[in-house]
């Protein structure tokens, strides 16, 4: 598992699935973007990974840096035999915006109910 320090993103592999969680207040500068990209490419490059699930909780418009990370991850995923990439978001438009960047792997978009805040 690789966590994004102050940015709050999380990339982990669970039973052959690379899981990428993008928090509500995700802000990616050059260094944070590089760390997220490296974590994603590392996860999708593992021999035991054949699919990716990205959970998009980002509340503001998606940045160009995030789109670049997704494109780089999708290219690495395709090169390493990943067959499916699922994008889950509370708002379908955000999931579609991420999925639109993934041209090299079969992509599915799902909407999810927002999680209740922990007390």
PDB file of N, CA and C in Angstrom:
ATOM      1  N   UNK A   1       0.841  -1.170   0.000  1.00  0.00           N
ATOM      2  CA  UNK A   1       0.000   0.000   0.000  1.00  0.00           C
ATOM      3  C   UNK A   1       0.886   1.233   0.000  1.00  0.00           C
ATOM      4  N   UNK A   2       0.509   2.214  -0.789  1.00  0.00           N
ATOM      5  CA  UNK A   2       1.235   3.467  -0.844  1.00  0.00           C
ATOM      6  C   UNK A   2       0.234   4.579  -0.592  1.00  0.00           C
ATOM      7  N   UNK A   3       0.505   5.384   0.400  1.00  0.00           N
ATOM      8  CA  UNK A   3      -0.365   6.526   0.703  1.00  0.00           C
ATOM      9  C   UNK A   3       0.308   7.802   0.240  1.00  0.00           C
ATOM     10  N   UNK A   4      -0.509   8.783  -0.114  1.00  0.00           N
ATOM     11  CA  UNK A   4      -0.022  10.020  -0.691  1.00  0.00           C
ATOM     12  C   UNK A   4       0.324  11.105   0.295  1.00  0.00           C
ATOM     13  N   UNK A   5       0.811  10.751   1.462  1.00  0.00           N
ATOM     14  CA  UNK A   5       1.210  11.750   2.448  1.00  0.00           C
ATOM     15  C   UNK A   5       0.083  12.753   2.671  1.00  0.00           C
ATOM     16  N   UNK A   6       0.408  14.037   2.517  1.00  0.00           N
ATOM     17  CA  UNK A   6      -0.560  15.098   2.787  1.00  0.00           C
ATOM     18  C   UNK A   6      -1.710  15.144   1.783  1.00  0.00           C
ATOM     19  N   UNK A   7      -1.546  14.551   0.621  1.00  0.00           N
ATOM     20  CA  UNK A   7      -2.599  14.609  -0.385  1.00  0.00           C
ATOM     21  C   UNK A   7      -3.730  13.630  -0.106  1.00  0.00           C
ATOM     22  N   UNK A   8      -3.469  12.568   0.646  1.00  0.00           N
ATOM     23  CA  UNK A   8      -4.507  11.656   1.099  1.00  0.00           C
ATOM     24  C   UNK A   8      -4.919  10.561   0.140  1.00  0.00           C
ATOM     25  N   UNK A   9      -4.301  10.447  -1.033  1.00  0.00           N
ATOM     26  CA  UNK A   9      -4.672   9.356  -1.928  1.00  0.00           C
ATOM     27  C   UNK A   9      -4.104   8.038  -1.395  1.00  0.00           C
ATOM     28  N   UNK A  10      -4.633   6.942  -1.912  1.00  0.00           N
ATOM     29  CA  UNK A  10      -4.216   5.621  -1.461  1.00  0.00           C
ATOM     30  C   UNK A  10      -4.190   4.684  -2.664  1.00  0.00           C
ATOM     31  N   UNK A  11      -3.095   3.955  -2.836  1.00  0.00           N
ATOM     32  CA  UNK A  11      -2.986   2.942  -3.879  1.00  0.00           C
ATOM     33  C   UNK A  11      -2.573   1.652  -3.200  1.00  0.00           C
ATOM     34  N   UNK A  12      -3.344   0.593  -3.415  1.00  0.00           N
ATOM     35  CA  UNK A  12      -3.032  -0.700  -2.809  1.00  0.00           C
ATOM     36  C   UNK A  12      -3.445  -1.812  -3.757  1.00  0.00           C
ATOM     37  N   UNK A  13      -2.907  -2.995  -3.523  1.00  0.00           N
ATOM     38  CA  UNK A  13      -3.295  -4.167  -4.301  1.00  0.00           C
ATOM     39  C   UNK A  13      -3.975  -5.141  -3.354  1.00  0.00           C
ATOM     40  N   UNK A  14      -5.172  -5.568  -3.738  1.00  0.00           N
ATOM     41  CA  UNK A  14      -5.957  -6.475  -2.916  1.00  0.00           C
ATOM     42  C   UNK A  14      -6.497  -7.591  -3.806  1.00  0.00           C
ATOM     43  N   UNK A  15      -5.969  -8.788  -3.632  1.00  0.00           N
ATOM     44  CA  UNK A  15      -6.449  -9.973  -4.350  1.00  0.00           C
ATOM     45  C   UNK A  15      -6.480  -9.774  -5.866  1.00  0.00           C
ATOM     46  N   UNK A  16      -5.371  -9.276  -6.415  1.00  0.00           N
ATOM     47  CA  UNK A  16      -5.246  -9.122  -7.854  1.00  0.00           C
ATOM     48  C   UNK A  16      -5.876  -7.865  -8.422  1.00  0.00           C
ATOM     49  N   UNK A  17      -6.330  -6.976  -7.544  1.00  0.00           N
ATOM     50  CA  UNK A  17      -6.964  -5.734  -7.970  1.00  0.00           C
ATOM     51  C   UNK A  17      -6.170  -4.552  -7.419  1.00  0.00           C
ATOM     52  N   UNK A  18      -5.763  -3.657  -8.311  1.00  0.00           N
ATOM     53  CA  UNK A  18      -5.145  -2.406  -7.866  1.00  0.00           C
ATOM     54  C   UNK A  18      -6.281  -1.457  -7.523  1.00  0.00           C
ATOM     55  N   UNK A  19      -6.301  -0.982  -6.284  1.00  0.00           N
ATOM     56  CA  UNK A  19      -7.345  -0.071  -5.813  1.00  0.00           C
ATOM     57  C   UNK A  19      -6.714   1.302  -5.625  1.00  0.00           C
ATOM     58  N   UNK A  20      -7.312   2.295  -6.272  1.00  0.00           N
ATOM     59  CA  UNK A  20      -6.820   3.665  -6.196  1.00  0.00           C
ATOM     60  C   UNK A  20      -7.946   4.519  -5.619  1.00  0.00           C
ATOM     61  N   UNK A  21      -7.710   5.096  -4.440  1.00  0.00           N
ATOM     62  CA  UNK A  21      -8.711   5.975  -3.827  1.00  0.00           C
ATOM     63  C   UNK A  21      -8.217   7.412  -3.884  1.00  0.00           C
ATOM     64  N   UNK A  22      -9.054   8.269  -4.436  1.00  0.00           N
ATOM     65  CA  UNK A  22      -8.726   9.678  -4.577  1.00  0.00           C
ATOM     66  C   UNK A  22      -9.643  10.474  -3.652  1.00  0.00           C
ATOM     67  N   UNK A  23      -9.078  11.162  -2.657  1.00  0.00           N
ATOM     68  CA  UNK A  23      -9.887  11.829  -1.631  1.00  0.00           C
ATOM     69  C   UNK A  23     -10.603  13.080  -2.137  1.00  0.00           C
ATOM     70  N   UNK A  24     -11.532  13.544  -1.337  1.00  0.00           N
ATOM     71  CA  UNK A  24     -12.342  14.710  -1.685  1.00  0.00           C
ATOM     72  C   UNK A  24     -11.501  15.936  -2.006  1.00  0.00           C
ATOM     73  N   UNK A  25     -10.522  16.228  -1.214  1.00  0.00           N
ATOM     74  CA  UNK A  25      -9.751  17.464  -1.365  1.00  0.00           C
ATOM     75  C   UNK A  25      -8.378  17.203  -2.000  1.00  0.00           C
ATOM     76  N   UNK A  26      -8.364  16.380  -3.012  1.00  0.00           N
ATOM     77  CA  UNK A  26      -7.115  16.044  -3.690  1.00  0.00           C
ATOM     78  C   UNK A  26      -6.548  17.260  -4.416  1.00  0.00           C
ATOM     79  N   UNK A  27      -5.311  17.582  -4.094  1.00  0.00           N
ATOM     80  CA  UNK A  27      -4.594  18.657  -4.786  1.00  0.00           C
ATOM     81  C   UNK A  27      -3.234  18.095  -5.173  1.00  0.00           C
ATOM     82  N   UNK A  28      -2.952  18.087  -6.449  1.00  0.00           N
ATOM     83  CA  UNK A  28      -1.708  17.496  -6.934  1.00  0.00           C
ATOM     84  C   UNK A  28      -0.788  18.568  -7.495  1.00  0.00           C
ATOM     85  N   UNK A  29       0.345  18.792  -6.807  1.00  0.00           N
ATOM     86  CA  UNK A  29       1.392  19.609  -7.410  1.00  0.00           C
ATOM     87  C   UNK A  29       2.304  18.652  -8.163  1.00  0.00           C
ATOM     88  N   UNK A  30       3.388  19.137  -8.711  1.00  0.00           N
ATOM     89  CA  UNK A  30       4.278  18.282  -9.499  1.00  0.00           C
ATOM     90  C   UNK A  30       4.802  17.082  -8.731  1.00  0.00           C
ATOM     91  N   UNK A  31       5.239  17.290  -7.490  1.00  0.00           N
ATOM     92  CA  UNK A  31       5.799  16.196  -6.694  1.00  0.00           C
ATOM     93  C   UNK A  31       4.722  15.183  -6.305  1.00  0.00           C
ATOM     94  N   UNK A  32       3.562  15.662  -5.863  1.00  0.00           N
ATOM     95  CA  UNK A  32       2.477  14.757  -5.464  1.00  0.00           C
ATOM     96  C   UNK A  32       1.962  13.979  -6.670  1.00  0.00           C
ATOM     97  N   UNK A  33       1.875  14.645  -7.807  1.00  0.00           N
ATOM     98  CA  UNK A  33       1.453  13.980  -9.035  1.00  0.00           C
ATOM     99  C   UNK A  33       2.420  12.856  -9.395  1.00  0.00           C
ATOM    100  N   UNK A  34       3.708  13.127  -9.276  1.00  0.00           N
ATOM    101  CA  UNK A  34       4.726  12.120  -9.559  1.00  0.00           C
ATOM    102  C   UNK A  34       4.641  10.924  -8.630  1.00  0.00           C
ATOM    103  N   UNK A  35       4.405  11.188  -7.337  1.00  0.00           N
ATOM    104  CA  UNK A  35       4.288  10.082  -6.366  1.00  0.00           C
ATOM    105  C   UNK A  35       3.061   9.227  -6.663  1.00  0.00           C
ATOM    106  N   UNK A  36       1.932   9.872  -6.976  1.00  0.00           N
ATOM    107  CA  UNK A  36       0.719   9.123  -7.296  1.00  0.00           C
ATOM    108  C   UNK A  36       0.921   8.315  -8.573  1.00  0.00           C
ATOM    109  N   UNK A  37       1.505   8.928  -9.571  1.00  0.00           N
ATOM    110  CA  UNK A  37       1.753   8.235 -10.834  1.00  0.00           C
ATOM    111  C   UNK A  37       2.664   7.028 -10.621  1.00  0.00           C
ATOM    112  N   UNK A  38       3.741   7.202  -9.869  1.00  0.00           N
ATOM    113  CA  UNK A  38       4.658   6.091  -9.599  1.00  0.00           C
ATOM    114  C   UNK A  38       3.959   4.962  -8.848  1.00  0.00           C
ATOM    115  N   UNK A  39       3.116   5.314  -7.872  1.00  0.00           N
ATOM    116  CA  UNK A  39       2.394   4.294  -7.111  1.00  0.00           C
ATOM    117  C   UNK A  39       1.421   3.536  -8.006  1.00  0.00           C
ATOM    118  N   UNK A  40       0.710   4.254  -8.857  1.00  0.00           N
ATOM    119  CA  UNK A  40      -0.251   3.614  -9.762  1.00  0.00           C
ATOM    120  C   UNK A  40       0.452   2.714 -10.768  1.00  0.00           C
ATOM    121  N   UNK A  41       1.494   3.217 -11.399  1.00  0.00           N
ATOM    122  CA  UNK A  41       2.243   2.409 -12.371  1.00  0.00           C
ATOM    123  C   UNK A  41       2.838   1.183 -11.680  1.00  0.00           C
ATOM    124  N   UNK A  42       3.359   1.362 -10.482  1.00  0.00           N
ATOM    125  CA  UNK A  42       3.904   0.225  -9.733  1.00  0.00           C
ATOM    126  C   UNK A  42       2.851  -0.830  -9.450  1.00  0.00           C
ATOM    127  N   UNK A  43       1.657  -0.398  -9.074  1.00  0.00           N
ATOM    128  CA  UNK A  43       0.582  -1.348  -8.759  1.00  0.00           C
ATOM    129  C   UNK A  43       0.112  -2.092 -10.005  1.00  0.00           C
ATOM    130  N   UNK A  44      -0.110  -1.388 -11.105  1.00  0.00           N
ATOM    131  CA  UNK A  44      -0.629  -2.053 -12.312  1.00  0.00           C
ATOM    132  C   UNK A  44       0.438  -2.866 -13.028  1.00  0.00           C
ATOM    133  N   UNK A  45       1.687  -2.685 -12.639  1.00  0.00           N
ATOM    134  CA  UNK A  45       2.788  -3.436 -13.257  1.00  0.00           C
ATOM    135  C   UNK A  45       3.055  -4.764 -12.565  1.00  0.00           C
ATOM    136  N   UNK A  46       2.403  -5.009 -11.454  1.00  0.00           N
ATOM    137  CA  UNK A  46       2.603  -6.278 -10.755  1.00  0.00           C
ATOM    138  C   UNK A  46       2.003  -7.426 -11.559  1.00  0.00           C
ATOM    139  N   UNK A  47       2.671  -8.568 -11.529  1.00  0.00           N
ATOM    140  CA  UNK A  47       2.216  -9.744 -12.277  1.00  0.00           C
ATOM    141  C   UNK A  47       0.851 -10.247 -11.818  1.00  0.00           C
ATOM    142  N   UNK A  48       0.510 -10.053 -10.545  1.00  0.00           N
ATOM    143  CA  UNK A  48      -0.736 -10.591 -10.016  1.00  0.00           C
ATOM    144  C   UNK A  48      -1.934  -9.658 -10.199  1.00  0.00           C
ATOM    145  N   UNK A  49      -1.753  -8.506 -10.820  1.00  0.00           N
ATOM    146  CA  UNK A  49      -2.847  -7.542 -11.002  1.00  0.00           C
ATOM    147  C   UNK A  49      -3.431  -7.676 -12.408  1.00  0.00           C
ATOM    148  N   UNK A  50      -4.774  -7.865 -12.475  1.00  0.00           N
ATOM    149  CA  UNK A  50      -5.421  -7.940 -13.782  1.00  0.00           C
ATOM    150  C   UNK A  50      -6.568  -6.948 -13.924  1.00  0.00           C
ATOM    151  N   UNK A  51      -6.820  -6.159 -12.887  1.00  0.00           N
ATOM    152  CA  UNK A  51      -7.848  -5.124 -12.976  1.00  0.00           C
ATOM    153  C   UNK A  51      -7.559  -3.992 -12.010  1.00  0.00           C
ATOM    154  N   UNK A  52      -8.201  -2.855 -12.268  1.00  0.00           N
ATOM    155  CA  UNK A  52      -8.012  -1.654 -11.458  1.00  0.00           C
ATOM    156  C   UNK A  52      -9.390  -1.133 -11.066  1.00  0.00           C
ATOM    157  N   UNK A  53      -9.510  -0.688  -9.837  1.00  0.00           N
ATOM    158  CA  UNK A  53     -10.705   0.027  -9.385  1.00  0.00           C
ATOM    159  C   UNK A  53     -10.228   1.384  -8.880  1.00  0.00           C
ATOM    160  N   UNK A  54     -10.787   2.438  -9.449  1.00  0.00           N
ATOM    161  CA  UNK A  54     -10.474   3.787  -9.005  1.00  0.00           C
ATOM    162  C   UNK A  54     -11.721   4.383  -8.377  1.00  0.00           C
ATOM    163  N   UNK A  55     -11.590   4.823  -7.128  1.00  0.00           N
ATOM    164  CA  UNK A  55     -12.691   5.431  -6.389  1.00  0.00           C
ATOM    165  C   UNK A  55     -12.438   6.931  -6.363  1.00  0.00           C
ATOM    166  N   UNK A  56     -13.286   7.678  -7.058  1.00  0.00           N
ATOM    167  CA  UNK A  56     -13.102   9.115  -7.223  1.00  0.00           C
ATOM    168  C   UNK A  56     -14.024   9.853  -6.259  1.00  0.00           C
ATOM    169  N   UNK A  57     -13.440  10.392  -5.196  1.00  0.00           N
ATOM    170  CA  UNK A  57     -14.195  11.194  -4.235  1.00  0.00           C
ATOM    171  C   UNK A  57     -13.927  12.683  -4.422  1.00  0.00           C
ATOM    172  N   UNK A  58     -13.124  13.042  -5.399  1.00  0.00           N
ATOM    173  CA  UNK A  58     -12.682  14.419  -5.614  1.00  0.00           C
ATOM    174  C   UNK A  58     -13.904  15.318  -5.798  1.00  0.00           C
ATOM    175  N   UNK A  59     -13.957  16.419  -5.008  1.00  0.00           N
ATOM    176  CA  UNK A  59     -15.135  17.285  -5.069  1.00  0.00           C
ATOM    177  C   UNK A  59     -15.009  18.438  -6.050  1.00  0.00           C
ATOM    178  N   UNK A  60     -13.794  18.828  -6.386  1.00  0.00           N
ATOM    179  CA  UNK A  60     -13.603  19.935  -7.320  1.00  0.00           C
ATOM    180  C   UNK A  60     -13.339  19.388  -8.722  1.00  0.00           C
ATOM    181  N   UNK A  61     -13.304  20.237  -9.730  1.00  0.00           N
ATOM    182  CA  UNK A  61     -13.029  19.734 -11.088  1.00  0.00           C
ATOM    183  C   UNK A  61     -11.702  18.975 -11.141  1.00  0.00           C
ATOM    184  N   UNK A  62     -11.656  17.961 -11.956  1.00  0.00           N
ATOM    185  CA  UNK A  62     -10.455  17.146 -12.062  1.00  0.00           C
ATOM    186  C   UNK A  62      -9.349  17.930 -12.756  1.00  0.00           C
ATOM    187  N   UNK A  63      -8.161  17.840 -12.209  1.00  0.00           N
ATOM    188  CA  UNK A  63      -7.033  18.623 -12.714  1.00  0.00           C
ATOM    189  C   UNK A  63      -6.349  17.939 -13.895  1.00  0.00           C
ATOM    190  N   UNK A  64      -5.601  18.730 -14.642  1.00  0.00           N
ATOM    191  CA  UNK A  64      -4.799  18.191 -15.744  1.00  0.00           C
ATOM    192  C   UNK A  64      -3.769  17.210 -15.205  1.00  0.00           C
ATOM    193  N   UNK A  65      -3.227  17.484 -14.012  1.00  0.00           N
ATOM    194  CA  UNK A  65      -2.239  16.581 -13.407  1.00  0.00           C
ATOM    195  C   UNK A  65      -2.854  15.211 -13.139  1.00  0.00           C
ATOM    196  N   UNK A  66      -4.090  15.186 -12.650  1.00  0.00           N
ATOM    197  CA  UNK A  66      -4.751  13.904 -12.388  1.00  0.00           C
ATOM    198  C   UNK A  66      -5.014  13.171 -13.699  1.00  0.00           C
ATOM    199  N   UNK A  67      -5.431  13.879 -14.718  1.00  0.00           N
ATOM    200  CA  UNK A  67      -5.641  13.246 -16.018  1.00  0.00           C
ATOM    201  C   UNK A  67      -4.339  12.637 -16.539  1.00  0.00           C
ATOM    202  N   UNK A  68      -3.238  13.337 -16.377  1.00  0.00           N
ATOM    203  CA  UNK A  68      -1.938  12.810 -16.813  1.00  0.00           C
ATOM    204  C   UNK A  68      -1.576  11.542 -16.060  1.00  0.00           C
ATOM    205  N   UNK A  69      -1.852  11.509 -14.748  1.00  0.00           N
ATOM    206  CA  UNK A  69      -1.583  10.320 -13.939  1.00  0.00           C
ATOM    207  C   UNK A  69      -2.398   9.144 -14.460  1.00  0.00           C
ATOM    208  N   UNK A  70      -3.670   9.377 -14.749  1.00  0.00           N
ATOM    209  CA  UNK A  70      -4.547   8.304 -15.233  1.00  0.00           C
ATOM    210  C   UNK A  70      -4.070   7.788 -16.587  1.00  0.00           C
ATOM    211  N   UNK A  71      -3.708   8.681 -17.490  1.00  0.00           N
ATOM    212  CA  UNK A  71      -3.226   8.263 -18.813  1.00  0.00           C
ATOM    213  C   UNK A  71      -1.966   7.414 -18.672  1.00  0.00           C
ATOM    214  N   UNK A  72      -1.032   7.856 -17.865  1.00  0.00           N
ATOM    215  CA  UNK A  72       0.200   7.089 -17.669  1.00  0.00           C
ATOM    216  C   UNK A  72      -0.107   5.725 -17.049  1.00  0.00           C
ATOM    217  N   UNK A  73      -1.000   5.700 -16.065  1.00  0.00           N
ATOM    218  CA  UNK A  73      -1.387   4.431 -15.440  1.00  0.00           C
ATOM    219  C   UNK A  73      -2.074   3.500 -16.420  1.00  0.00           C
ATOM    220  N   UNK A  74      -2.926   4.051 -17.286  1.00  0.00           N
ATOM    221  CA  UNK A  74      -3.629   3.224 -18.267  1.00  0.00           C
ATOM    222  C   UNK A  74      -2.665   2.608 -19.270  1.00  0.00           C
ATOM    223  N   UNK A  75      -1.686   3.371 -19.692  1.00  0.00           N
ATOM    224  CA  UNK A  75      -0.688   2.829 -20.628  1.00  0.00           C
ATOM    225  C   UNK A  75       0.100   1.697 -19.971  1.00  0.00           C
ATOM    226  N   UNK A  76       0.509   1.905 -18.724  1.00  0.00           N
ATOM    227  CA  UNK A  76       1.254   0.858 -18.004  1.00  0.00           C
ATOM    228  C   UNK A  76       0.371  -0.362 -17.785  1.00  0.00           C
ATOM    229  N   UNK A  77      -0.896  -0.139 -17.458  1.00  0.00           N
ATOM    230  CA  UNK A  77      -1.824  -1.248 -17.236  1.00  0.00           C
ATOM    231  C   UNK A  77      -1.963  -2.093 -18.496  1.00  0.00           C
ATOM    232  N   UNK A  78      -2.179  -1.441 -19.622  1.00  0.00           N
ATOM    233  CA  UNK A  78      -2.326  -2.175 -20.888  1.00  0.00           C
ATOM    234  C   UNK A  78      -1.060  -2.940 -21.229  1.00  0.00           C
ATOM    235  N   UNK A  79       0.075  -2.332 -21.004  1.00  0.00           N
ATOM    236  CA  UNK A  79       1.352  -2.978 -21.317  1.00  0.00           C
ATOM    237  C   UNK A  79       1.609  -4.187 -20.426  1.00  0.00           C
ATOM    238  N   UNK A  80       0.959  -4.239 -19.276  1.00  0.00           N
ATOM    239  CA  UNK A  80       1.189  -5.325 -18.333  1.00  0.00           C
ATOM    240  C   UNK A  80       0.019  -6.294 -18.240  1.00  0.00           C
ATOM    241  N   UNK A  81      -0.900  -6.252 -19.212  1.00  0.00           N
ATOM    242  CA  UNK A  81      -1.951  -7.255 -19.290  1.00  0.00           C
ATOM    243  C   UNK A  81      -3.170  -7.016 -18.423  1.00  0.00           C
ATOM    244  N   UNK A  82      -3.319  -5.828 -17.859  1.00  0.00           N
ATOM    245  CA  UNK A  82      -4.531  -5.524 -17.095  1.00  0.00           C
ATOM    246  C   UNK A  82      -5.698  -5.494 -18.078  1.00  0.00           C
ATOM    247  N   UNK A  83      -6.789  -6.158 -17.727  1.00  0.00           N
ATOM    248  CA  UNK A  83      -7.900  -6.297 -18.659  1.00  0.00           C
ATOM    249  C   UNK A  83      -9.086  -5.384 -18.377  1.00  0.00           C
ATOM    250  N   UNK A  84      -9.265  -4.954 -17.137  1.00  0.00           N
ATOM    251  CA  UNK A  84     -10.442  -4.157 -16.770  1.00  0.00           C
ATOM    252  C   UNK A  84     -10.048  -3.012 -15.850  1.00  0.00           C
ATOM    253  N   UNK A  85     -10.726  -1.877 -16.022  1.00  0.00           N
ATOM    254  CA  UNK A  85     -10.522  -0.721 -15.147  1.00  0.00           C
ATOM    255  C   UNK A  85     -11.912  -0.182 -14.823  1.00  0.00           C
ATOM    256  N   UNK A  86     -12.275  -0.215 -13.560  1.00  0.00           N
ATOM    257  CA  UNK A  86     -13.575   0.264 -13.101  1.00  0.00           C
ATOM    258  C   UNK A  86     -13.378   1.599 -12.391  1.00  0.00           C
ATOM    259  N   UNK A  87     -14.222   2.565 -12.715  1.00  0.00           N
ATOM    260  CA  UNK A  87     -14.166   3.878 -12.094  1.00  0.00           C
ATOM    261  C   UNK A  87     -15.477   4.080 -11.341  1.00  0.00           C
ATOM    262  N   UNK A  88     -15.358   4.381 -10.051  1.00  0.00           N
ATOM    263  CA  UNK A  88     -16.517   4.568  -9.189  1.00  0.00           C
ATOM    264  C   UNK A  88     -16.485   5.991  -8.647  1.00  0.00           C
ATOM    265  N   UNK A  89     -17.610   6.694  -8.743  1.00  0.00           N
ATOM    266  CA  UNK A  89     -17.696   8.052  -8.211  1.00  0.00           C
ATOM    267  C   UNK A  89     -19.126   8.336  -7.787  1.00  0.00           C
ATOM    268  N   UNK A  90     -19.264   9.267  -6.876  1.00  0.00           N
ATOM    269  CA  UNK A  90     -20.588   9.699  -6.444  1.00  0.00           C
ATOM    270  C   UNK A  90     -21.333  10.356  -7.608  1.00  0.00           C
ATOM    271  N   UNK A  91     -20.616  11.129  -8.386  1.00  0.00           N
ATOM    272  CA  UNK A  91     -21.211  11.820  -9.530  1.00  0.00           C
ATOM    273  C   UNK A  91     -20.701  11.188 -10.818  1.00  0.00           C
ATOM    274  N   UNK A  92     -21.609  10.728 -11.646  1.00  0.00           N
ATOM    275  CA  UNK A  92     -21.242  10.027 -12.870  1.00  0.00           C
ATOM    276  C   UNK A  92     -20.304  10.851 -13.753  1.00  0.00           C
ATOM    277  N   UNK A  93     -20.498  12.158 -13.783  1.00  0.00           N
ATOM    278  CA  UNK A  93     -19.658  13.007 -14.631  1.00  0.00           C
ATOM    279  C   UNK A  93     -18.178  12.897 -14.248  1.00  0.00           C
ATOM    280  N   UNK A  94     -17.879  12.782 -12.962  1.00  0.00           N
ATOM    281  CA  UNK A  94     -16.477  12.644 -12.537  1.00  0.00           C
ATOM    282  C   UNK A  94     -15.928  11.286 -12.958  1.00  0.00           C
ATOM    283  N   UNK A  95     -16.718  10.247 -12.811  1.00  0.00           N
ATOM    284  CA  UNK A  95     -16.277   8.917 -13.216  1.00  0.00           C
ATOM    285  C   UNK A  95     -16.045   8.875 -14.724  1.00  0.00           C
ATOM    286  N   UNK A  96     -16.929   9.475 -15.472  1.00  0.00           N
ATOM    287  CA  UNK A  96     -16.793   9.497 -16.925  1.00  0.00           C
ATOM    288  C   UNK A  96     -15.557  10.305 -17.325  1.00  0.00           C
ATOM    289  N   UNK A  97     -15.293  11.417 -16.622  1.00  0.00           N
ATOM    290  CA  UNK A  97     -14.116  12.230 -16.932  1.00  0.00           C
ATOM    291  C   UNK A  97     -12.831  11.434 -16.746  1.00  0.00           C
ATOM    292  N   UNK A  98     -12.771  10.606 -15.714  1.00  0.00           N
ATOM    293  CA  UNK A  98     -11.596   9.758 -15.504  1.00  0.00           C
ATOM    294  C   UNK A  98     -11.558   8.659 -16.559  1.00  0.00           C
ATOM    295  N   UNK A  99     -12.675   7.982 -16.756  1.00  0.00           N
ATOM    296  CA  UNK A  99     -12.731   6.865 -17.712  1.00  0.00           C
ATOM    297  C   UNK A  99     -12.392   7.315 -19.133  1.00  0.00           C
ATOM    298  N   UNK A 100     -12.717   8.540 -19.472  1.00  0.00           N
ATOM    299  CA  UNK A 100     -12.444   9.070 -20.810  1.00  0.00           C
ATOM    300  C   UNK A 100     -10.941   9.072 -21.128  1.00  0.00           C
ATOM    301  N   UNK A 101     -10.114   9.108 -20.103  1.00  0.00           N
ATOM    302  CA  UNK A 101      -8.661   9.127 -20.291  1.00  0.00           C
ATOM    303  C   UNK A 101      -8.067   7.734 -20.465  1.00  0.00           C
ATOM    304  N   UNK A 102      -8.865   6.699 -20.264  1.00  0.00           N
ATOM    305  CA  UNK A 102      -8.374   5.324 -20.284  1.00  0.00           C
ATOM    306  C   UNK A 102      -8.784   4.690 -21.608  1.00  0.00           C
ATOM    307  N   UNK A 103      -7.898   4.754 -22.596  1.00  0.00           N
ATOM    308  CA  UNK A 103      -8.209   4.259 -23.934  1.00  0.00           C
ATOM    309  C   UNK A 103      -7.686   2.854 -24.187  1.00  0.00           C
ATOM    310  N   UNK A 104      -6.813   2.380 -23.326  1.00  0.00           N
ATOM    311  CA  UNK A 104      -6.073   1.161 -23.629  1.00  0.00           C
ATOM    312  C   UNK A 104      -6.574  -0.074 -22.881  1.00  0.00           C
ATOM    313  N   UNK A 105      -7.542   0.105 -21.998  1.00  0.00           N
ATOM    314  CA  UNK A 105      -8.062  -0.987 -21.173  1.00  0.00           C
ATOM    315  C   UNK A 105      -9.585  -0.881 -21.172  1.00  0.00           C
ATOM    316  N   UNK A 106     -10.280  -2.011 -21.130  1.00  0.00           N
ATOM    317  CA  UNK A 106     -11.740  -2.014 -21.038  1.00  0.00           C
ATOM    318  C   UNK A 106     -12.159  -1.288 -19.759  1.00  0.00           C
ATOM    319  N   UNK A 107     -13.054  -0.305 -19.895  1.00  0.00           N
ATOM    320  CA  UNK A 107     -13.415   0.556 -18.765  1.00  0.00           C
ATOM    321  C   UNK A 107     -14.907   0.486 -18.484  1.00  0.00           C
ATOM    322  N   UNK A 108     -15.256   0.485 -17.189  1.00  0.00           N
ATOM    323  CA  UNK A 108     -16.646   0.539 -16.746  1.00  0.00           C
ATOM    324  C   UNK A 108     -16.783   1.680 -15.754  1.00  0.00           C
ATOM    325  N   UNK A 109     -17.934   2.336 -15.763  1.00  0.00           N
ATOM    326  CA  UNK A 109     -18.197   3.457 -14.871  1.00  0.00           C
ATOM    327  C   UNK A 109     -19.375   3.098 -13.973  1.00  0.00           C
ATOM    328  N   UNK A 110     -19.234   3.393 -12.687  1.00  0.00           N
ATOM    329  CA  UNK A 110     -20.277   3.133 -11.706  1.00  0.00           C
ATOM    330  C   UNK A 110     -20.466   4.367 -10.843  1.00  0.00           C
ATOM    331  N   UNK A 111     -21.689   4.597 -10.393  1.00  0.00           N
ATOM    332  CA  UNK A 111     -21.917   5.655  -9.425  1.00  0.00           C
ATOM    333  C   UNK A 111     -22.186   5.005  -8.076  1.00  0.00           C
ATOM    334  N   UNK A 112     -21.783   5.689  -7.032  1.00  0.00           N
ATOM    335  CA  UNK A 112     -21.924   5.152  -5.679  1.00  0.00           C
ATOM    336  C   UNK A 112     -22.525   6.216  -4.785  1.00  0.00           C
ATOM    337  N   UNK A 113     -23.264   5.773  -3.807  1.00  0.00           N
ATOM    338  CA  UNK A 113     -23.802   6.694  -2.805  1.00  0.00           C
ATOM    339  C   UNK A 113     -22.635   7.225  -1.978  1.00  0.00           C
ATOM    340  N   UNK A 114     -22.694   8.492  -1.586  1.00  0.00           N
ATOM    341  CA  UNK A 114     -21.615   9.018  -0.741  1.00  0.00           C
ATOM    342  C   UNK A 114     -21.596   8.290   0.595  1.00  0.00           C
ATOM    343  N   UNK A 115     -20.379   8.119   1.127  1.00  0.00           N
ATOM    344  CA  UNK A 115     -20.239   7.482   2.431  1.00  0.00           C
ATOM    345  C   UNK A 115     -20.574   8.491   3.523  1.00  0.00           C
ATOM    346  N   UNK A 116     -21.231   8.020   4.565  1.00  0.00           N
ATOM    347  CA  UNK A 116     -21.527   8.893   5.699  1.00  0.00           C
ATOM    348  C   UNK A 116     -20.222   9.218   6.419  1.00  0.00           C
ATOM    349  N   UNK A 117     -20.121  10.433   6.878  1.00  0.00           N
ATOM    350  CA  UNK A 117     -18.919  10.839   7.621  1.00  0.00           C
ATOM    351  C   UNK A 117     -18.859  10.085   8.940  1.00  0.00           C
ATOM    352  N   UNK A 118     -17.663   9.699   9.319  1.00  0.00           N
ATOM    353  CA  UNK A 118     -17.484   8.987  10.590  1.00  0.00           C
ATOM    354  C   UNK A 118     -17.691   9.946  11.747  1.00  0.00           C
ATOM    355  N   UNK A 119     -18.311   9.449  12.777  1.00  0.00           N
ATOM    356  CA  UNK A 119     -18.547  10.295  13.962  1.00  0.00           C
ATOM    357  C   UNK A 119     -17.350  10.312  14.857  1.00  0.00           C
TER     358      UNK A 119
END
